[in-house]
Amino acid sequence: MKLLFVEWIDASVVGDQWTDIDEARSLAADEPHVCKTVGFLISEQRIGTPSHVVYLTMTDGGEEVGPQIEIPVSTIVSRREIDVKGRNSQESGEGRE
């Protein structure tokens, strides 16, 4: 399995109450929340082209894996493959131009 470092934009709630439209627009102008996730690539589902979803997980080194995280490709800012020795190998930007 490939070990990946993925940076992606998460969907989030912006504001927690009813507010006037100007304040809502101000909140919407804030920078998006960027998540940073490291995990083993177990699948890339294709719905059309390119890939639609990347699934990452952790493992104990055996045949079992932990909970999987589903990341829509369109939210990925960058992804980098990490080799087992700790050297970075491939880096690519996806989803956002």
Protein backbone atom coordinates (compact mmCIF):
# COMPACT_ATOMS: atom_id res chain seq x y z
CA MET A 1 0.00 0.00 0.00
CA LYS A 2 1.15 3.54 -0.76
CA LEU A 3 1.52 5.95 2.16
CA LEU A 4 0.12 9.37 1.25
CA PHE A 5 0.14 12.85 2.77
CA VAL A 6 -3.00 14.63 1.53
CA GLU A 7 -4.02 18.27 2.04
CA TRP A 8 -7.71 18.88 1.34
CA ILE A 9 -10.39 21.49 1.91
CA ASP A 10 -13.03 20.38 4.40
CA ALA A 11 -16.67 21.40 4.29
CA SER A 12 -17.61 23.26 7.44
CA VAL A 13 -20.32 25.27 9.11
CA VAL A 14 -19.56 28.99 8.93
CA GLY A 15 -21.41 30.61 11.78
CA ASP A 16 -23.62 28.96 14.33
CA GLN A 17 -26.72 31.14 14.42
CA TRP A 18 -29.07 33.26 12.35
CA THR A 19 -27.39 36.51 11.35
CA ASP A 20 -27.77 39.42 8.95
CA ILE A 21 -26.62 38.98 5.37
CA ASP A 22 -23.61 41.35 5.63
CA GLU A 23 -22.14 39.42 8.55
CA ALA A 24 -22.78 36.15 6.71
CA ARG A 25 -20.90 37.48 3.67
CA SER A 26 -18.04 38.53 5.92
CA LEU A 27 -17.82 35.03 7.43
CA ALA A 28 -17.94 33.48 3.96
CA ALA A 29 -14.86 35.48 2.95
CA ASP A 30 -12.68 33.67 5.52
CA GLU A 31 -10.06 31.19 4.31
CA PRO A 32 -11.29 27.59 4.05
CA HIS A 33 -10.21 24.96 6.56
CA VAL A 34 -7.34 22.87 5.15
CA CYS A 35 -7.06 19.35 6.56
CA LYS A 36 -3.80 17.42 6.53
CA THR A 37 -4.14 13.64 6.51
CA VAL A 38 -1.59 10.82 6.35
CA GLY A 39 -2.76 7.32 5.56
CA PHE A 40 -2.33 4.24 3.44
CA LEU A 41 -4.15 4.34 0.11
CA ILE A 42 -6.56 1.42 -0.05
CA SER A 43 -8.73 2.50 -2.99
CA GLU A 44 -9.46 5.24 -5.52
CA GLN A 45 -13.04 4.99 -6.75
CA ARG A 46 -13.70 6.21 -10.25
CA ILE A 47 -17.01 7.79 -11.13
CA GLY A 48 -16.15 9.25 -14.49
CA THR A 49 -12.68 10.68 -14.95
CA PRO A 50 -10.60 11.57 -12.97
CA SER A 51 -10.93 9.66 -9.71
CA HIS A 52 -13.85 10.69 -7.55
CA VAL A 53 -12.86 9.53 -4.07
CA VAL A 54 -9.60 8.56 -2.33
CA TYR A 55 -9.81 6.18 0.64
CA LEU A 56 -7.07 6.30 3.27
CA THR A 57 -6.60 4.15 6.35
CA MET A 58 -4.08 3.09 8.97
CA THR A 59 -2.82 -0.43 9.55
CA ASP A 60 -1.16 -2.52 12.22
CA GLY A 61 1.11 -4.06 9.59
CA GLY A 62 -1.05 -7.16 9.28
CA GLU A 63 -4.18 -7.89 7.33
CA GLU A 64 -6.46 -5.57 9.33
CA VAL A 65 -6.91 -1.84 8.89
CA GLY A 66 -8.45 0.92 10.98
CA PRO A 67 -11.32 3.24 10.09
CA GLN A 68 -11.21 4.61 6.54
CA ILE A 69 -11.43 8.25 5.56
CA GLU A 70 -13.18 9.15 2.30
CA ILE A 71 -11.78 12.26 0.60
CA PRO A 72 -13.48 13.58 -2.56
CA VAL A 73 -10.77 14.26 -5.15
CA SER A 74 -12.25 17.66 -5.97
CA THR A 75 -11.36 18.82 -2.42
CA ILE A 76 -7.68 17.77 -2.63
CA VAL A 77 -5.22 20.65 -2.76
CA SER A 78 -2.12 18.45 -2.89
CA ARG A 79 -1.03 14.88 -2.29
CA ARG A 80 2.42 13.45 -1.82
CA GLU A 81 3.50 9.84 -1.68
CA ILE A 82 5.79 9.06 1.26
CA ASP A 83 8.11 6.11 0.95
CA VAL A 84 8.57 3.85 3.95
CA LYS A 85 12.10 5.18 4.56
CA GLY A 86 10.72 8.68 5.12
CA ARG A 87 11.81 10.27 1.84
CA ASN A 88 9.20 12.12 -0.16
CA SER A 89 8.73 10.79 -3.66
CA GLN A 90 5.81 12.18 -5.73
CA GLU A 91 3.86 15.38 -5.21
CA SER A 92 0.86 16.57 -7.18
CA GLY A 93 -1.88 19.16 -6.93
CA GLU A 94 -5.40 17.89 -7.61
CA GLY A 95 -8.90 19.14 -7.64
CA ARG A 96 -8.31 22.86 -7.20
CA GLU A 97 -6.64 24.84 -9.96
